Amino acid sequence: MVNEPSVDALVRKLGTEEEPISRYELCVVAAKRTRQIIEQMQSTGTLELPGKQKEIVLACREIMSGKVKCARD
């Protein structure tokens, strides 16, 4: 379970005042980035992330730091 950053903080980070995102959209973005991280690890032969953190935690931290954005059609 991801406790830090919080779900509410991640929702606020991805959305805007004018167009907030839903928790579902956050889940989709985080899952997609997690799959990308796993694919990158498999292609490079990496077995573990630094600090033995989980891929989903890294994805959430990237969202919070602004490295991952939510693209809307």
PDB file of N, CA and C in Angstrom:
ATOM      1  N   MET A   1       0.834  -1.174   0.000  1.00  0.00           N
ATOM      2  CA  MET A   1       0.000   0.000   0.000  1.00  0.00           C
ATOM      3  C   MET A   1       0.883   1.244   0.000  1.00  0.00           C
ATOM      4  N   VAL A   2       0.504   2.205  -0.785  1.00  0.00           N
ATOM      5  CA  VAL A   2       1.261   3.450  -0.878  1.00  0.00           C
ATOM      6  C   VAL A   2       0.656   4.457   0.092  1.00  0.00           C
ATOM      7  N   ASN A   3       1.424   4.870   1.070  1.00  0.00           N
ATOM      8  CA  ASN A   3       0.947   5.855   2.037  1.00  0.00           C
ATOM      9  C   ASN A   3       1.489   7.242   1.751  1.00  0.00           C
ATOM     10  N   GLU A   4       2.651   7.297   1.178  1.00  0.00           N
ATOM     11  CA  GLU A   4       3.283   8.587   0.916  1.00  0.00           C
ATOM     12  C   GLU A   4       3.839   8.567  -0.489  1.00  0.00           C
ATOM     13  N   PRO A   5       3.450   9.366  -1.396  1.00  0.00           N
ATOM     14  CA  PRO A   5       2.495  10.458  -1.268  1.00  0.00           C
ATOM     15  C   PRO A   5       1.062   9.940  -1.196  1.00  0.00           C
ATOM     16  N   SER A   6       0.210  10.724  -0.596  1.00  0.00           N
ATOM     17  CA  SER A   6      -1.181  10.308  -0.421  1.00  0.00           C
ATOM     18  C   SER A   6      -1.937  10.364  -1.748  1.00  0.00           C
ATOM     19  N   VAL A   7      -3.012   9.626  -1.812  1.00  0.00           N
ATOM     20  CA  VAL A   7      -3.850   9.589  -3.016  1.00  0.00           C
ATOM     21  C   VAL A   7      -4.394  10.984  -3.322  1.00  0.00           C
ATOM     22  N   ASP A   8      -4.833  11.684  -2.294  1.00  0.00           N
ATOM     23  CA  ASP A   8      -5.382  13.022  -2.501  1.00  0.00           C
ATOM     24  C   ASP A   8      -4.333  13.977  -3.067  1.00  0.00           C
ATOM     25  N   ALA A   9      -3.096  13.865  -2.581  1.00  0.00           N
ATOM     26  CA  ALA A   9      -2.021  14.717  -3.087  1.00  0.00           C
ATOM     27  C   ALA A   9      -1.728  14.392  -4.552  1.00  0.00           C
ATOM     28  N   LEU A  10      -1.758  13.110  -4.907  1.00  0.00           N
ATOM     29  CA  LEU A  10      -1.509  12.711  -6.291  1.00  0.00           C
ATOM     30  C   LEU A  10      -2.625  13.194  -7.212  1.00  0.00           C
ATOM     31  N   VAL A  11      -3.866  13.124  -6.746  1.00  0.00           N
ATOM     32  CA  VAL A  11      -5.000  13.609  -7.539  1.00  0.00           C
ATOM     33  C   VAL A  11      -4.848  15.104  -7.798  1.00  0.00           C
ATOM     34  N   ARG A  12      -4.493  15.858  -6.754  1.00  0.00           N
ATOM     35  CA  ARG A  12      -4.301  17.304  -6.921  1.00  0.00           C
ATOM     36  C   ARG A  12      -3.141  17.606  -7.866  1.00  0.00           C
ATOM     37  N   LYS A  13      -2.079  16.811  -7.803  1.00  0.00           N
ATOM     38  CA  LYS A  13      -0.894  17.047  -8.639  1.00  0.00           C
ATOM     39  C   LYS A  13      -1.209  16.823 -10.117  1.00  0.00           C
ATOM     40  N   LEU A  14      -1.968  15.783 -10.441  1.00  0.00           N
ATOM     41  CA  LEU A  14      -2.268  15.478 -11.847  1.00  0.00           C
ATOM     42  C   LEU A  14      -3.338  16.383 -12.425  1.00  0.00           C
ATOM     43  N   GLY A  15      -4.278  16.780 -11.607  1.00  0.00           N
ATOM     44  CA  GLY A  15      -5.375  17.603 -12.089  1.00  0.00           C
ATOM     45  C   GLY A  15      -5.084  19.081 -11.934  1.00  0.00           C
ATOM     46  N   THR A  16      -6.044  19.885 -12.352  1.00  0.00           N
ATOM     47  CA  THR A  16      -5.959  21.331 -12.178  1.00  0.00           C
ATOM     48  C   THR A  16      -7.216  21.799 -11.466  1.00  0.00           C
ATOM     49  N   GLU A  17      -7.218  23.043 -11.072  1.00  0.00           N
ATOM     50  CA  GLU A  17      -8.417  23.606 -10.440  1.00  0.00           C
ATOM     51  C   GLU A  17      -9.610  23.535 -11.380  1.00  0.00           C
ATOM     52  N   GLU A  18      -9.358  23.842 -12.661  1.00  0.00           N
ATOM     53  CA  GLU A  18     -10.432  23.860 -13.649  1.00  0.00           C
ATOM     54  C   GLU A  18     -10.866  22.452 -14.054  1.00  0.00           C
ATOM     55  N   GLU A  19      -9.904  21.544 -14.143  1.00  0.00           N
ATOM     56  CA  GLU A  19     -10.187  20.175 -14.578  1.00  0.00           C
ATOM     57  C   GLU A  19      -9.566  19.168 -13.623  1.00  0.00           C
ATOM     58  N   PRO A  20     -10.223  18.895 -12.512  1.00  0.00           N
ATOM     59  CA  PRO A  20      -9.674  17.894 -11.590  1.00  0.00           C
ATOM     60  C   PRO A  20      -9.799  16.502 -12.194  1.00  0.00           C
ATOM     61  N   ILE A  21      -8.901  15.609 -11.792  1.00  0.00           N
ATOM     62  CA  ILE A  21      -8.990  14.229 -12.268  1.00  0.00           C
ATOM     63  C   ILE A  21      -9.640  13.377 -11.190  1.00  0.00           C
ATOM     64  N   SER A  22     -10.116  12.225 -11.586  1.00  0.00           N
ATOM     65  CA  SER A  22     -10.737  11.308 -10.637  1.00  0.00           C
ATOM     66  C   SER A  22      -9.683  10.334 -10.110  1.00  0.00           C
ATOM     67  N   ARG A  23     -10.045   9.621  -9.083  1.00  0.00           N
ATOM     68  CA  ARG A  23      -9.141   8.594  -8.543  1.00  0.00           C
ATOM     69  C   ARG A  23      -8.942   7.483  -9.575  1.00  0.00           C
ATOM     70  N   TYR A  24      -9.963   7.228 -10.362  1.00  0.00           N
ATOM     71  CA  TYR A  24      -9.850   6.223 -11.420  1.00  0.00           C
ATOM     72  C   TYR A  24      -8.776   6.625 -12.419  1.00  0.00           C
ATOM     73  N   GLU A  25      -8.785   7.887 -12.841  1.00  0.00           N
ATOM     74  CA  GLU A  25      -7.767   8.362 -13.778  1.00  0.00           C
ATOM     75  C   GLU A  25      -6.375   8.258 -13.173  1.00  0.00           C
ATOM     76  N   LEU A  26      -6.255   8.563 -11.895  1.00  0.00           N
ATOM     77  CA  LEU A  26      -4.969   8.410 -11.213  1.00  0.00           C
ATOM     78  C   LEU A  26      -4.518   6.960 -11.260  1.00  0.00           C
ATOM     79  N   CYS A  27      -5.429   6.051 -11.013  1.00  0.00           N
ATOM     80  CA  CYS A  27      -5.115   4.623 -11.038  1.00  0.00           C
ATOM     81  C   CYS A  27      -4.619   4.191 -12.414  1.00  0.00           C
ATOM     82  N   VAL A  28      -5.269   4.674 -13.459  1.00  0.00           N
ATOM     83  CA  VAL A  28      -4.876   4.324 -14.829  1.00  0.00           C
ATOM     84  C   VAL A  28      -3.478   4.861 -15.137  1.00  0.00           C
ATOM     85  N   VAL A  29      -3.213   6.119 -14.775  1.00  0.00           N
ATOM     86  CA  VAL A  29      -1.901   6.723 -15.037  1.00  0.00           C
ATOM     87  C   VAL A  29      -0.814   5.988 -14.260  1.00  0.00           C
ATOM     88  N   ALA A  30      -1.063   5.708 -12.989  1.00  0.00           N
ATOM     89  CA  ALA A  30      -0.066   5.023 -12.163  1.00  0.00           C
ATOM     90  C   ALA A  30       0.197   3.603 -12.664  1.00  0.00           C
ATOM     91  N   ALA A  31      -0.852   2.908 -13.064  1.00  0.00           N
ATOM     92  CA  ALA A  31      -0.685   1.547 -13.575  1.00  0.00           C
ATOM     93  C   ALA A  31       0.097   1.531 -14.882  1.00  0.00           C
ATOM     94  N   LYS A  32      -0.188   2.483 -15.756  1.00  0.00           N
ATOM     95  CA  LYS A  32       0.524   2.549 -17.035  1.00  0.00           C
ATOM     96  C   LYS A  32       2.011   2.829 -16.807  1.00  0.00           C
ATOM     97  N   ARG A  33       2.312   3.781 -15.915  1.00  0.00           N
ATOM     98  CA  ARG A  33       3.717   4.095 -15.637  1.00  0.00           C
ATOM     99  C   ARG A  33       4.410   2.917 -14.962  1.00  0.00           C
ATOM    100  N   THR A  34       3.696   2.198 -14.100  1.00  0.00           N
ATOM    101  CA  THR A  34       4.264   1.023 -13.441  1.00  0.00           C
ATOM    102  C   THR A  34       4.634  -0.043 -14.469  1.00  0.00           C
ATOM    103  N   ARG A  35       3.746  -0.268 -15.439  1.00  0.00           N
ATOM    104  CA  ARG A  35       4.053  -1.237 -16.504  1.00  0.00           C
ATOM    105  C   ARG A  35       5.268  -0.813 -17.311  1.00  0.00           C
ATOM    106  N   GLN A  36       5.399   0.493 -17.572  1.00  0.00           N
ATOM    107  CA  GLN A  36       6.567   0.998 -18.297  1.00  0.00           C
ATOM    108  C   GLN A  36       7.843   0.742 -17.505  1.00  0.00           C
ATOM    109  N   ILE A  37       7.810   0.966 -16.212  1.00  0.00           N
ATOM    110  CA  ILE A  37       8.982   0.740 -15.363  1.00  0.00           C
ATOM    111  C   ILE A  37       9.363  -0.735 -15.381  1.00  0.00           C
ATOM    112  N   ILE A  38       8.379  -1.622 -15.274  1.00  0.00           N
ATOM    113  CA  ILE A  38       8.650  -3.064 -15.292  1.00  0.00           C
ATOM    114  C   ILE A  38       9.259  -3.471 -16.628  1.00  0.00           C
ATOM    115  N   GLU A  39       8.723  -2.946 -17.735  1.00  0.00           N
ATOM    116  CA  GLU A  39       9.271  -3.265 -19.061  1.00  0.00           C
ATOM    117  C   GLU A  39      10.706  -2.772 -19.190  1.00  0.00           C
ATOM    118  N   GLN A  40      10.995  -1.576 -18.668  1.00  0.00           N
ATOM    119  CA  GLN A  40      12.359  -1.051 -18.712  1.00  0.00           C
ATOM    120  C   GLN A  40      13.301  -1.930 -17.897  1.00  0.00           C
ATOM    121  N   MET A  41      12.845  -2.378 -16.745  1.00  0.00           N
ATOM    122  CA  MET A  41      13.674  -3.232 -15.899  1.00  0.00           C
ATOM    123  C   MET A  41      13.959  -4.560 -16.595  1.00  0.00           C
ATOM    124  N   GLN A  42      12.959  -5.123 -17.251  1.00  0.00           N
ATOM    125  CA  GLN A  42      13.143  -6.394 -17.948  1.00  0.00           C
ATOM    126  C   GLN A  42      14.092  -6.245 -19.126  1.00  0.00           C
ATOM    127  N   SER A  43      13.994  -5.138 -19.853  1.00  0.00           N
ATOM    128  CA  SER A  43      14.852  -4.958 -21.027  1.00  0.00           C
ATOM    129  C   SER A  43      16.308  -4.698 -20.642  1.00  0.00           C
ATOM    130  N   THR A  44      16.533  -4.106 -19.478  1.00  0.00           N
ATOM    131  CA  THR A  44      17.907  -3.837 -19.046  1.00  0.00           C
ATOM    132  C   THR A  44      18.450  -4.928 -18.131  1.00  0.00           C
ATOM    133  N   GLY A  45      17.606  -5.848 -17.710  1.00  0.00           N
ATOM    134  CA  GLY A  45      18.050  -6.930 -16.834  1.00  0.00           C
ATOM    135  C   GLY A  45      18.169  -6.518 -15.376  1.00  0.00           C
ATOM    136  N   THR A  46      17.549  -5.427 -15.015  1.00  0.00           N
ATOM    137  CA  THR A  46      17.572  -4.958 -13.634  1.00  0.00           C
ATOM    138  C   THR A  46      16.640  -5.822 -12.798  1.00  0.00           C
ATOM    139  N   LEU A  47      17.133  -6.279 -11.653  1.00  0.00           N
ATOM    140  CA  LEU A  47      16.317  -7.133 -10.804  1.00  0.00           C
ATOM    141  C   LEU A  47      15.577  -6.372  -9.719  1.00  0.00           C
ATOM    142  N   GLU A  48      16.198  -5.306  -9.184  1.00  0.00           N
ATOM    143  CA  GLU A  48      15.573  -4.549  -8.107  1.00  0.00           C
ATOM    144  C   GLU A  48      15.766  -3.060  -8.328  1.00  0.00           C
ATOM    145  N   LEU A  49      14.850  -2.295  -7.807  1.00  0.00           N
ATOM    146  CA  LEU A  49      14.982  -0.844  -7.820  1.00  0.00           C
ATOM    147  C   LEU A  49      15.807  -0.423  -6.609  1.00  0.00           C
ATOM    148  N   PRO A  50      16.423   0.754  -6.662  1.00  0.00           N
ATOM    149  CA  PRO A  50      17.196   1.219  -5.505  1.00  0.00           C
ATOM    150  C   PRO A  50      16.327   1.287  -4.254  1.00  0.00           C
ATOM    151  N   GLY A  51      16.882   0.851  -3.149  1.00  0.00           N
ATOM    152  CA  GLY A  51      16.141   0.875  -1.890  1.00  0.00           C
ATOM    153  C   GLY A  51      15.081  -0.200  -1.801  1.00  0.00           C
ATOM    154  N   LYS A  52      15.100  -1.147  -2.722  1.00  0.00           N
ATOM    155  CA  LYS A  52      14.120  -2.240  -2.765  1.00  0.00           C
ATOM    156  C   LYS A  52      12.683  -1.737  -2.785  1.00  0.00           C
ATOM    157  N   GLN A  53      12.478  -0.559  -3.385  1.00  0.00           N
ATOM    158  CA  GLN A  53      11.118  -0.040  -3.473  1.00  0.00           C
ATOM    159  C   GLN A  53      10.362  -0.749  -4.591  1.00  0.00           C
ATOM    160  N   LYS A  54       9.075  -0.748  -4.486  1.00  0.00           N
ATOM    161  CA  LYS A  54       8.215  -1.365  -5.487  1.00  0.00           C
ATOM    162  C   LYS A  54       8.047  -0.431  -6.674  1.00  0.00           C
ATOM    163  N   GLU A  55       7.705  -1.007  -7.810  1.00  0.00           N
ATOM    164  CA  GLU A  55       7.544  -0.233  -9.031  1.00  0.00           C
ATOM    165  C   GLU A  55       6.414   0.792  -8.908  1.00  0.00           C
ATOM    166  N   ILE A  56       5.321   0.411  -8.243  1.00  0.00           N
ATOM    167  CA  ILE A  56       4.188   1.318  -8.084  1.00  0.00           C
ATOM    168  C   ILE A  56       4.563   2.521  -7.221  1.00  0.00           C
ATOM    169  N   VAL A  57       5.412   2.302  -6.230  1.00  0.00           N
ATOM    170  CA  VAL A  57       5.860   3.408  -5.370  1.00  0.00           C
ATOM    171  C   VAL A  57       6.685   4.383  -6.188  1.00  0.00           C
ATOM    172  N   LEU A  58       7.568   3.872  -7.035  1.00  0.00           N
ATOM    173  CA  LEU A  58       8.373   4.731  -7.903  1.00  0.00           C
ATOM    174  C   LEU A  58       7.472   5.518  -8.848  1.00  0.00           C
ATOM    175  N   ALA A  59       6.468   4.858  -9.412  1.00  0.00           N
ATOM    176  CA  ALA A  59       5.538   5.542 -10.316  1.00  0.00           C
ATOM    177  C   ALA A  59       4.812   6.676  -9.597  1.00  0.00           C
ATOM    178  N   CYS A  60       4.351   6.430  -8.383  1.00  0.00           N
ATOM    179  CA  CYS A  60       3.646   7.472  -7.619  1.00  0.00           C
ATOM    180  C   CYS A  60       4.580   8.623  -7.266  1.00  0.00           C
ATOM    181  N   ARG A  61       5.801   8.315  -6.934  1.00  0.00           N
ATOM    182  CA  ARG A  61       6.760   9.385  -6.626  1.00  0.00           C
ATOM    183  C   ARG A  61       7.075  10.211  -7.869  1.00  0.00           C
ATOM    184  N   GLU A  62       7.131   9.561  -9.027  1.00  0.00           N
ATOM    185  CA  GLU A  62       7.352  10.301 -10.273  1.00  0.00           C
ATOM    186  C   GLU A  62       6.159  11.205 -10.588  1.00  0.00           C
ATOM    187  N   ILE A  63       4.969  10.739 -10.322  1.00  0.00           N
ATOM    188  CA  ILE A  63       3.778  11.572 -10.522  1.00  0.00           C
ATOM    189  C   ILE A  63       3.849  12.788  -9.605  1.00  0.00           C
ATOM    190  N   MET A  64       4.200  12.565  -8.350  1.00  0.00           N
ATOM    191  CA  MET A  64       4.249  13.652  -7.382  1.00  0.00           C
ATOM    192  C   MET A  64       5.340  14.667  -7.721  1.00  0.00           C
ATOM    193  N   SER A  65       6.444  14.203  -8.282  1.00  0.00           N
ATOM    194  CA  SER A  65       7.530  15.126  -8.618  1.00  0.00           C
ATOM    195  C   SER A  65       7.283  15.862  -9.934  1.00  0.00           C
ATOM    196  N   GLY A  66       6.242  15.478 -10.657  1.00  0.00           N
ATOM    197  CA  GLY A  66       5.914  16.160 -11.900  1.00  0.00           C
ATOM    198  C   GLY A  66       6.527  15.536 -13.142  1.00  0.00           C
ATOM    199  N   LYS A  67       7.194  14.402 -13.007  1.00  0.00           N
ATOM    200  CA  LYS A  67       7.805  13.733 -14.162  1.00  0.00           C
ATOM    201  C   LYS A  67       6.762  13.039 -15.035  1.00  0.00           C
ATOM    202  N   VAL A  68       5.612  12.726 -14.463  1.00  0.00           N
ATOM    203  CA  VAL A  68       4.544  12.041 -15.189  1.00  0.00           C
ATOM    204  C   VAL A  68       3.333  12.955 -15.196  1.00  0.00           C
ATOM    205  N   LYS A  69       2.743  13.117 -16.371  1.00  0.00           N
ATOM    206  CA  LYS A  69       1.559  13.958 -16.538  1.00  0.00           C
ATOM    207  C   LYS A  69       0.404  13.113 -17.052  1.00  0.00           C
ATOM    208  N   CYS A  70      -0.789  13.637 -16.908  1.00  0.00           N
ATOM    209  CA  CYS A  70      -1.993  12.977 -17.406  1.00  0.00           C
ATOM    210  C   CYS A  70      -2.413  13.673 -18.698  1.00  0.00           C
ATOM    211  N   ALA A  71      -2.371  12.943 -19.809  1.00  0.00           N
ATOM    212  CA  ALA A  71      -2.779  13.506 -21.102  1.00  0.00           C
ATOM    213  C   ALA A  71      -4.248  13.169 -21.338  1.00  0.00           C
ATOM    214  N   ARG A  72      -4.999  14.196 -21.703  1.00  0.00           N
ATOM    215  CA  ARG A  72      -6.430  13.985 -21.975  1.00  0.00           C
ATOM    216  C   ARG A  72      -6.693  14.197 -23.454  1.00  0.00           C
ATOM    217  N   ASP A  73      -7.611  13.395 -23.954  1.00  0.00           N
ATOM    218  CA  ASP A  73      -7.966  13.524 -25.378  1.00  0.00           C
ATOM    219  C   ASP A  73      -9.046  14.546 -25.579  1.00  0.00           C
TER     220      ASP A  73
END
